[in-house]
C-alpha atoms as a PDB file:
ATOM      1  CA  MET A   1     195.881  98.220 232.266  1.00  0.00           C
ATOM      2  CA  THR A   2     194.350 100.996 232.343  1.00  0.00           C
ATOM      3  CA  PRO A   3     190.746 100.061 230.682  1.00  0.00           C
ATOM      4  CA  ILE A   4     190.574 102.232 227.185  1.00  0.00           C
ATOM      5  CA  ALA A   5     187.629 102.627 225.034  1.00  0.00           C
ATOM      6  CA  VAL A   6     187.273 104.170 221.930  1.00  0.00           C
ATOM      7  CA  THR A   7     184.026 106.093 220.665  1.00  0.00           C
ATOM      8  CA  ILE A   8     183.848 106.320 216.728  1.00  0.00           C
ATOM      9  CA  ALA A   9     180.787 108.943 215.961  1.00  0.00           C
ATOM     10  CA  GLY A  10     180.166 112.766 215.465  1.00  0.00           C
ATOM     11  CA  SER A  11     180.921 115.847 217.425  1.00  0.00           C
ATOM     12  CA  ASP A  12     177.787 117.480 219.201  1.00  0.00           C
ATOM     13  CA  SER A  13     179.035 121.278 219.484  1.00  0.00           C
ATOM     14  CA  GLY A  14     176.590 121.306 222.256  1.00  0.00           C
ATOM     15  CA  GLY A  15     178.102 118.866 224.406  1.00  0.00           C
ATOM     16  CA  GLY A  16     175.229 116.891 225.059  1.00  0.00           C
ATOM     17  CA  ALA A  17     175.467 113.760 222.880  1.00  0.00           C
ATOM     18  CA  GLY A  18     178.000 112.238 220.380  1.00  0.00           C
ATOM     19  CA  ILE A  19     181.760 112.271 221.107  1.00  0.00           C
ATOM     20  CA  GLN A  20     181.230 114.722 223.985  1.00  0.00           C
ATOM     21  CA  ALA A  21     178.653 112.315 225.959  1.00  0.00           C
ATOM     22  CA  ASP A  22     180.369 109.069 224.929  1.00  0.00           C
ATOM     23  CA  LEU A  23     183.601 110.551 226.805  1.00  0.00           C
ATOM     24  CA  LYS A  24     181.782 111.971 229.679  1.00  0.00           C
ATOM     25  CA  THR A  25     180.527 108.556 230.067  1.00  0.00           C
ATOM     26  CA  PHE A  26     183.892 106.286 229.897  1.00  0.00           C
ATOM     27  CA  SER A  27     185.375 108.996 232.397  1.00  0.00           C
ATOM     28  CA  ALA A  28     182.441 108.747 234.831  1.00  0.00           C
ATOM     29  CA  LEU A  29     182.300 105.079 234.499  1.00  0.00           C
ATOM     30  CA  GLY A  30     186.278 104.909 234.884  1.00  0.00           C
ATOM     31  CA  VAL A  31     187.537 103.967 231.728  1.00  0.00           C
ATOM     32  CA  TYR A  32     189.817 106.076 229.716  1.00  0.00           C
ATOM     33  CA  GLY A  33     188.085 107.523 226.328  1.00  0.00           C
ATOM     34  CA  ALA A  34     190.043 108.065 222.841  1.00  0.00           C
ATOM     35  CA  SER A  35     187.901 109.087 219.917  1.00  0.00           C
ATOM     36  CA  VAL A  36     187.449 109.084 216.197  1.00  0.00           C
ATOM     37  CA  VAL A  37     185.104 111.796 214.773  1.00  0.00           C
ATOM     38  CA  THR A  38     183.635 111.031 212.087  1.00  0.00           C
ATOM     39  CA  ALA A  39     181.745 114.086 211.447  1.00  0.00           C
ATOM     40  CA  LEU A  40     181.105 117.828 212.927  1.00  0.00           C
ATOM     41  CA  THR A  41     177.560 118.970 214.164  1.00  0.00           C
ATOM     42  CA  ALA A  42     176.407 122.552 214.441  1.00  0.00           C
ATOM     43  CA  GLN A  43     173.939 121.582 217.153  1.00  0.00           C
ATOM     44  CA  ASN A  44     172.824 122.653 220.373  1.00  0.00           C
ATOM     45  CA  THR A  45     169.742 121.848 222.618  1.00  0.00           C
ATOM     46  CA  LEU A  46     167.109 123.020 220.164  1.00  0.00           C
ATOM     47  CA  GLY A  47     168.132 120.708 217.137  1.00  0.00           C
ATOM     48  CA  VAL A  48     171.105 120.133 214.464  1.00  0.00           C
ATOM     49  CA  GLN A  49     171.321 123.393 212.347  1.00  0.00           C
ATOM     50  CA  GLY A  50     174.343 121.551 210.031  1.00  0.00           C
ATOM     51  CA  ILE A  51     176.705 118.510 209.431  1.00  0.00           C
ATOM     52  CA  HIS A  52     179.960 118.544 207.838  1.00  0.00           C
ATOM     53  CA  ASP A  53     181.120 115.077 207.041  1.00  0.00           C
ATOM     54  CA  VAL A  54     185.030 114.212 207.951  1.00  0.00           C
ATOM     55  CA  PRO A  55     186.417 112.694 204.640  1.00  0.00           C
ATOM     56  CA  PRO A  56     186.628 108.646 204.981  1.00  0.00           C
ATOM     57  CA  ASP A  57     190.169 108.724 204.107  1.00  0.00           C
ATOM     58  CA  PHE A  58     190.894 110.702 207.456  1.00  0.00           C
ATOM     59  CA  VAL A  59     188.222 108.581 209.541  1.00  0.00           C
ATOM     60  CA  ALA A  60     190.353 105.679 208.548  1.00  0.00           C
ATOM     61  CA  ARG A  61     193.666 107.594 209.426  1.00  0.00           C
ATOM     62  CA  GLN A  62     192.130 108.666 213.105  1.00  0.00           C
ATOM     63  CA  ILE A  63     191.569 105.061 213.572  1.00  0.00           C
ATOM     64  CA  ALA A  64     194.902 103.914 212.317  1.00  0.00           C
ATOM     65  CA  SER A  65     196.500 106.321 214.826  1.00  0.00           C
ATOM     66  CA  VAL A  66     193.977 105.210 217.523  1.00  0.00           C
ATOM     67  CA  PHE A  67     194.952 101.691 217.560  1.00  0.00           C
ATOM     68  CA  ASP A  68     198.299 101.963 216.648  1.00  0.00           C
ATOM     69  CA  ASP A  69     199.478 103.046 219.880  1.00  0.00           C
ATOM     70  CA  LEU A  70     196.657 102.520 222.403  1.00  0.00           C
ATOM     71  CA  ALA A  71     195.405  99.306 223.942  1.00  0.00           C
ATOM     72  CA  VAL A  72     191.812  99.850 223.007  1.00  0.00           C
ATOM     73  CA  ALA A  73     189.409  97.183 224.750  1.00  0.00           C
ATOM     74  CA  ALA A  74     186.060  98.005 223.430  1.00  0.00           C
ATOM     75  CA  VAL A  75     184.584 100.269 220.852  1.00  0.00           C
ATOM     76  CA  LYS A  76     181.515 102.344 220.480  1.00  0.00           C
ATOM     77  CA  ILE A  77     180.252 103.424 217.466  1.00  0.00           C
ATOM     78  CA  GLY A  78     177.686 106.221 217.139  1.00  0.00           C
ATOM     79  CA  MET A  79     176.690 108.641 213.805  1.00  0.00           C
ATOM     80  CA  LEU A  80     177.992 107.792 210.615  1.00  0.00           C
ATOM     81  CA  SER A  81     176.125 109.870 208.617  1.00  0.00           C
ATOM     82  CA  ARG A  82     177.230 108.750 205.004  1.00  0.00           C
ATOM     83  CA  ALA A  83     178.111 105.259 203.306  1.00  0.00           C
ATOM     84  CA  ALA A  84     181.570 106.067 202.478  1.00  0.00           C
ATOM     85  CA  VAL A  85     182.510 106.855 206.073  1.00  0.00           C
ATOM     86  CA  ILE A  86     180.826 103.195 207.238  1.00  0.00           C
ATOM     87  CA  ALA A  87     183.072 101.536 204.363  1.00  0.00           C
ATOM     88  CA  ALA A  88     185.937 103.375 205.960  1.00  0.00           C
ATOM     89  CA  VAL A  89     185.192 102.282 209.680  1.00  0.00           C
ATOM     90  CA  ALA A  90     184.444  98.568 208.607  1.00  0.00           C
ATOM     91  CA  ALA A  91     187.895  98.205 207.071  1.00  0.00           C
ATOM     92  CA  GLY A  92     189.743 100.080 209.572  1.00  0.00           C
ATOM     93  CA  LEU A  93     188.244  97.806 212.219  1.00  0.00           C
ATOM     94  CA  ALA A  94     189.020  94.832 210.419  1.00  0.00           C
ATOM     95  CA  ARG A  95     192.528  95.955 209.944  1.00  0.00           C
ATOM     96  CA  HIS A  96     192.986  97.171 213.233  1.00  0.00           C
ATOM     97  CA  ALA A  97     190.859  95.923 215.804  1.00  0.00           C
ATOM     98  CA  PRO A  98     189.911  92.275 215.257  1.00  0.00           C
ATOM     99  CA  GLY A  99     188.705  90.475 218.218  1.00  0.00           C
ATOM    100  CA  VAL A 100     187.961  94.029 219.923  1.00  0.00           C
ATOM    101  CA  PRO A 101     184.034  94.057 221.121  1.00  0.00           C
ATOM    102  CA  VAL A 102     181.960  96.658 219.079  1.00  0.00           C
ATOM    103  CA  VAL A 103     178.772  98.345 220.332  1.00  0.00           C
ATOM    104  CA  LEU A 104     177.149  99.854 217.596  1.00  0.00           C
ATOM    105  CA  ASP A 105     174.350 102.196 218.327  1.00  0.00           C
ATOM    106  CA  PRO A 106     172.627 102.887 214.676  1.00  0.00           C
ATOM    107  CA  VAL A 107     172.155 106.845 215.240  1.00  0.00           C
ATOM    108  CA  MET A 108     169.656 107.910 212.759  1.00  0.00           C
ATOM    109  CA  VAL A 109     167.615 110.632 214.294  1.00  0.00           C
ATOM    110  CA  ALA A 110     168.542 113.143 217.210  1.00  0.00           C
ATOM    111  CA  THR A 111     166.426 114.000 220.252  1.00  0.00           C
ATOM    112  CA  SER A 112     165.206 116.823 218.341  1.00  0.00           C
ATOM    113  CA  GLY A 113     164.032 114.893 215.112  1.00  0.00           C
ATOM    114  CA  ASP A 114     166.975 115.830 213.114  1.00  0.00           C
ATOM    115  CA  ARG A 115     167.819 113.233 210.652  1.00  0.00           C
ATOM    116  CA  LEU A 116     171.587 112.197 211.244  1.00  0.00           C
ATOM    117  CA  LEU A 117     171.771 109.079 208.648  1.00  0.00           C
ATOM    118  CA  ALA A 118     171.521 109.526 205.068  1.00  0.00           C
ATOM    119  CA  ASP A 119     169.118 107.302 203.154  1.00  0.00           C
ATOM    120  CA  ASP A 120     171.665 105.147 201.125  1.00  0.00           C
ATOM    121  CA  ALA A 121     173.883 104.788 204.228  1.00  0.00           C
ATOM    122  CA  VAL A 122     171.072 102.544 205.873  1.00  0.00           C
ATOM    123  CA  ALA A 123     172.021  99.467 203.824  1.00  0.00           C
ATOM    124  CA  ALA A 124     175.572  99.967 204.334  1.00  0.00           C
ATOM    125  CA  LEU A 125     174.944  99.730 207.874  1.00  0.00           C
ATOM    126  CA  ARG A 126     173.329  96.341 207.394  1.00  0.00           C
ATOM    127  CA  VAL A 127     175.959  95.193 205.556  1.00  0.00           C
ATOM    128  CA  ASP A 128     179.285  96.471 206.391  1.00  0.00           C
ATOM    129  CA  LEU A 129     178.677  97.029 210.369  1.00  0.00           C
ATOM    130  CA  ILE A 130     175.737  95.405 211.921  1.00  0.00           C
ATOM    131  CA  PRO A 131     177.259  91.774 211.260  1.00  0.00           C
ATOM    132  CA  ARG A 132     180.651  92.561 213.092  1.00  0.00           C
ATOM    133  CA  ALA A 133     178.998  94.372 216.151  1.00  0.00           C
ATOM    134  CA  ALA A 134     179.126  92.181 219.353  1.00  0.00           C
ATOM    135  CA  LEU A 135     175.999  94.431 220.163  1.00  0.00           C
ATOM    136  CA  ILE A 136     173.283  96.786 218.396  1.00  0.00           C
ATOM    137  CA  THR A 137     171.422  99.011 220.676  1.00  0.00           C
ATOM    138  CA  PRO A 138     168.788 100.266 218.320  1.00  0.00           C
ATOM    139  CA  ASN A 139     165.666 102.208 219.574  1.00  0.00           C
ATOM    140  CA  LEU A 140     162.282 101.485 218.382  1.00  0.00           C
ATOM    141  CA  PRO A 141     162.214 103.983 215.321  1.00  0.00           C
ATOM    142  CA  GLU A 142     165.902 102.771 214.381  1.00  0.00           C
ATOM    143  CA  ALA A 143     164.516  99.368 214.471  1.00  0.00           C
ATOM    144  CA  ALA A 144     161.783  99.839 212.195  1.00  0.00           C
ATOM    145  CA  VAL A 145     164.273 101.398 209.682  1.00  0.00           C
ATOM    146  CA  LEU A 146     166.497  98.919 209.917  1.00  0.00           C
ATOM    147  CA  LEU A 147     163.498  96.227 209.341  1.00  0.00           C
ATOM    148  CA  GLY A 148     161.595  98.202 207.077  1.00  0.00           C
ATOM    149  CA  GLU A 149     158.532  97.504 209.297  1.00  0.00           C
ATOM    150  CA  ALA A 150     156.235  99.310 211.740  1.00  0.00           C
ATOM    151  CA  VAL A 151     157.479 100.385 214.996  1.00  0.00           C
ATOM    152  CA  ALA A 152     156.948  97.987 217.537  1.00  0.00           C
ATOM    153  CA  THR A 153     154.139  98.920 220.408  1.00  0.00           C
ATOM    154  CA  ASP A 154     154.789  96.280 222.731  1.00  0.00           C
ATOM    155  CA  GLU A 155     157.033  93.880 224.111  1.00  0.00           C
ATOM    156  CA  ALA A 156     156.388  90.861 222.015  1.00  0.00           C
ATOM    157  CA  ALA A 157     156.812  92.782 219.023  1.00  0.00           C
ATOM    158  CA  MET A 158     159.917  94.189 220.485  1.00  0.00           C
ATOM    159  CA  LEU A 159     161.234  90.782 221.059  1.00  0.00           C
ATOM    160  CA  ALA A 160     160.340  89.978 217.609  1.00  0.00           C
ATOM    161  CA  GLN A 161     162.126  92.771 215.715  1.00  0.00           C
ATOM    162  CA  GLY A 162     164.983  92.257 217.956  1.00  0.00           C
ATOM    163  CA  ARG A 163     165.339  88.510 216.854  1.00  0.00           C
ATOM    164  CA  ARG A 164     165.127  89.548 213.482  1.00  0.00           C
ATOM    165  CA  LEU A 165     167.926  92.071 213.741  1.00  0.00           C
ATOM    166  CA  LEU A 166     169.858  88.818 215.533  1.00  0.00           C
ATOM    167  CA  ALA A 167     169.440  87.204 212.230  1.00  0.00           C
ATOM    168  CA  LEU A 168     171.605  90.092 210.482  1.00  0.00           C
ATOM    169  CA  GLY A 169     174.636  88.838 212.105  1.00  0.00           C
ATOM    170  CA  PRO A 170     175.701  91.040 215.644  1.00  0.00           C
ATOM    171  CA  GLY A 171     176.240  88.978 218.556  1.00  0.00           C
ATOM    172  CA  ALA A 172     173.527  90.322 220.507  1.00  0.00           C
ATOM    173  CA  VAL A 173     170.913  93.171 220.078  1.00  0.00           C
ATOM    174  CA  LEU A 174     169.952  95.615 222.959  1.00  0.00           C
ATOM    175  CA  MET A 175     166.140  96.784 221.766  1.00  0.00           C
ATOM    176  CA  LYS A 176     165.548  99.847 223.775  1.00  0.00           C
ATOM    177  CA  GLY A 177     162.194 101.038 224.918  1.00  0.00           C
ATOM    178  CA  GLY A 178     162.396 104.624 225.986  1.00  0.00           C
ATOM    179  CA  HIS A 179     160.427 105.713 223.047  1.00  0.00           C
ATOM    180  CA  GLY A 180     157.717 103.485 224.113  1.00  0.00           C
ATOM    181  CA  ALA A 181     155.062 104.090 226.309  1.00  0.00           C
ATOM    182  CA  GLY A 182     153.624 103.306 229.945  1.00  0.00           C
ATOM    183  CA  ALA A 183     154.816 103.948 233.314  1.00  0.00           C
ATOM    184  CA  GLU A 184     157.871 101.431 232.752  1.00  0.00           C
ATOM    185  CA  SER A 185     160.828 101.487 230.299  1.00  0.00           C
ATOM    186  CA  VAL A 186     161.967  98.510 229.453  1.00  0.00           C
ATOM    187  CA  ASP A 187     164.834  97.265 227.065  1.00  0.00           C
ATOM    188  CA  LEU A 188     165.683  93.878 226.221  1.00  0.00           C
ATOM    189  CA  LEU A 189     168.648  92.309 225.384  1.00  0.00           C
ATOM    190  CA  ILE A 190     168.563  89.492 222.936  1.00  0.00           C
ATOM    191  CA  GLY A 191     170.998  86.782 222.124  1.00  0.00           C
ATOM    192  CA  PRO A 192     171.714  83.441 220.384  1.00  0.00           C
ATOM    193  CA  GLY A 193     168.975  81.346 220.721  1.00  0.00           C
ATOM    194  CA  GLU A 194     166.336  81.974 223.202  1.00  0.00           C
ATOM    195  CA  THR A 195     168.522  84.384 225.294  1.00  0.00           C
ATOM    196  CA  VAL A 196     166.567  87.194 226.739  1.00  0.00           C
ATOM    197  CA  MET A 197     167.221  89.466 229.565  1.00  0.00           C
ATOM    198  CA  ARG A 198     164.560  92.119 230.289  1.00  0.00           C
ATOM    199  CA  LEU A 199     165.963  95.412 231.459  1.00  0.00           C
ATOM    200  CA  GLY A 200     162.988  97.293 233.155  1.00  0.00           C
ATOM    201  CA  GLY A 201     162.874 100.675 235.155  1.00  0.00           C
ATOM    202  CA  PRO A 202     160.381 103.501 236.014  1.00  0.00           C
ATOM    203  CA  ARG A 203     159.889 105.973 233.106  1.00  0.00           C
ATOM    204  CA  LEU A 204     161.491 109.457 234.040  1.00  0.00           C
ATOM    205  CA  ALA A 205     159.500 112.440 233.629  1.00  0.00           C
ATOM    206  CA  THR A 206     162.436 115.243 232.383  1.00  0.00           C
ATOM    207  CA  ARG A 207     162.655 116.807 228.685  1.00  0.00           C
ATOM    208  CA  ASN A 208     166.423 116.592 229.571  1.00  0.00           C
ATOM    209  CA  THR A 209     166.895 113.820 227.520  1.00  0.00           C
ATOM    210  CA  HIS A 210     169.728 114.812 224.793  1.00  0.00           C
ATOM    211  CA  GLY A 211     172.167 112.095 224.423  1.00  0.00           C
ATOM    212  CA  THR A 212     170.518 109.170 225.998  1.00  0.00           C
ATOM    213  CA  GLY A 213     171.104 106.847 223.361  1.00  0.00           C
ATOM    214  CA  CYS A 214     174.749 107.789 222.975  1.00  0.00           C
ATOM    215  CA  THR A 215     175.634 107.418 227.145  1.00  0.00           C
ATOM    216  CA  LEU A 216     173.751 104.170 227.194  1.00  0.00           C
ATOM    217  CA  SER A 217     175.458 102.188 224.614  1.00  0.00           C
ATOM    218  CA  ALA A 218     178.996 104.269 225.573  1.00  0.00           C
ATOM    219  CA  ALA A 219     178.364 103.034 229.157  1.00  0.00           C
ATOM    220  CA  ILE A 220     177.700  99.100 228.026  1.00  0.00           C
ATOM    221  CA  ALA A 221     181.205  99.516 226.083  1.00  0.00           C
ATOM    222  CA  ALA A 222     182.953 100.870 229.326  1.00  0.00           C
ATOM    223  CA  GLY A 223     181.721  97.953 231.022  1.00  0.00           C
ATOM    224  CA  LEU A 224     183.343  95.660 228.459  1.00  0.00           C
ATOM    225  CA  ALA A 225     186.024  97.297 228.105  1.00  0.00           C
ATOM    226  CA  ARG A 226     186.707  96.699 232.181  1.00  0.00           C
ATOM    227  CA  GLY A 227     185.968  93.026 231.713  1.00  0.00           C
ATOM    228  CA  LEU A 228     182.694  92.655 232.445  1.00  0.00           C
ATOM    229  CA  ALA A 229     180.499  90.079 230.702  1.00  0.00           C
ATOM    230  CA  LEU A 230     177.478  91.482 227.989  1.00  0.00           C
ATOM    231  CA  PRO A 231     174.646  90.817 230.683  1.00  0.00           C
ATOM    232  CA  GLU A 232     176.574  92.566 233.472  1.00  0.00           C
ATOM    233  CA  ALA A 233     177.801  95.543 231.338  1.00  0.00           C
ATOM    234  CA  ALA A 234     174.212  96.290 230.130  1.00  0.00           C
ATOM    235  CA  GLY A 235     172.519  96.157 233.672  1.00  0.00           C
ATOM    236  CA  ALA A 236     175.465  98.453 234.705  1.00  0.00           C
ATOM    237  CA  ALA A 237     174.736 100.609 231.921  1.00  0.00           C
ATOM    238  CA  LYS A 238     171.008 100.539 232.388  1.00  0.00           C
ATOM    239  CA  ALA A 239     171.247 101.593 236.086  1.00  0.00           C
ATOM    240  CA  TYR A 240     174.135 104.513 235.199  1.00  0.00           C
ATOM    241  CA  LEU A 241     171.506 105.938 232.674  1.00  0.00           C
ATOM    242  CA  ALA A 242     168.786 105.711 235.093  1.00  0.00           C
ATOM    243  CA  ALA A 243     170.846 108.129 237.744  1.00  0.00           C
ATOM    244  CA  ALA A 244     171.687 110.205 235.183  1.00  0.00           C
ATOM    245  CA  LEU A 245     168.323 111.024 233.901  1.00  0.00           C
ATOM    246  CA  ALA A 246     167.143 111.142 237.613  1.00  0.00           C
ATOM    247  CA  ALA A 247     169.555 113.975 238.004  1.00  0.00           C
ATOM    248  CA  ALA A 248     169.196 115.317 235.003  1.00  0.00           C
ATOM    249  CA  ASP A 249     166.831 118.168 236.168  1.00  0.00           C
ATOM    250  CA  ARG A 250     169.894 119.495 238.577  1.00  0.00           C
ATOM    251  CA  LEU A 251     171.218 120.669 235.073  1.00  0.00           C
ATOM    252  CA  SER A 252     170.077 123.951 233.431  1.00  0.00           C
ATOM    253  CA  ILE A 253     171.587 123.707 229.999  1.00  0.00           C
ATOM    254  CA  GLY A 254     170.151 125.546 227.152  1.00  0.00           C
ATOM    255  CA  ARG A 255     166.582 126.210 225.911  1.00  0.00           C
ATOM    256  CA  GLY A 256     165.403 122.637 224.632  1.00  0.00           C
ATOM    257  CA  HIS A 257     166.074 119.354 225.419  1.00  0.00           C
ATOM    258  CA  GLY A 258     169.042 119.233 228.094  1.00  0.00           C
ATOM    259  CA  PRO A 259     171.604 116.759 228.795  1.00  0.00           C
ATOM    260  CA  VAL A 260     171.395 114.061 231.026  1.00  0.00           C
ATOM    261  CA  HIS A 261     173.671 114.516 234.245  1.00  0.00           C
ATOM    262  CA  HIS A 262     176.760 112.312 233.222  1.00  0.00           C
ATOM    263  CA  PHE A 263     178.540 113.183 236.528  1.00  0.00           C
ATOM    264  CA  HIS A 264     175.821 112.946 239.109  1.00  0.00           C
ATOM    265  CA  ALA A 265     177.993 111.030 241.251  1.00  0.00           C
ATOM    266  CA  VAL A 266     180.404 113.841 241.172  1.00  0.00           C
ATOM    267  CA  TRP A 267     178.844 117.143 240.962  1.00  0.00           C
END
């Protein structure tokens, strides 16, 4: 069987993040990618100039179309800007995808600093989607917003916040340390009980970081679609993103934060 993953996220017209980054990641990792578009953005490497939300009923129709025909093995969820869209996605997955592992990236702010999630949608995300996710992948500012706390500044605080997020009901939490400080970029994969997997690597100096969060969560979903266990999928995804970041300066895209190099192994 061809491994299939679906991304449920917003479109990035600049091609560096969102649906476009997810599909590139799936393809680079040998997984067929399908998509459900939740929002259109007028976006480039300099920022987000506009957001046009897809009506919730049409989001639901896309989900039904994909799952009625394709044998989806994993789901990645990205930008869901409105509470009504979150509700539509939660209902669609409950109906069409019971048992399919979901990787939820709680996208709130773009690399440029532009806000992508309405304030009233944060509660909906906590209640409707986080409990049904196999994994959530917040960065440090996103974790702080979800918990109503200050941003974690060290690994001990990351671990404590990750465990509080785990209490909201997901199968596991990946606390991403890319927004932290220091020479090493550390992510913590936190599972039930005292299970913790530390994923460290050198912090890479590049301004081409657009789409890093989307890429990492999509790479984990790709690994799950290929049958990897979650720790294995997370480790492979971390290595893939590190290589994509290391090769990012081979690209010259736009005048702002350019994308990572998803196809660094090909060209």
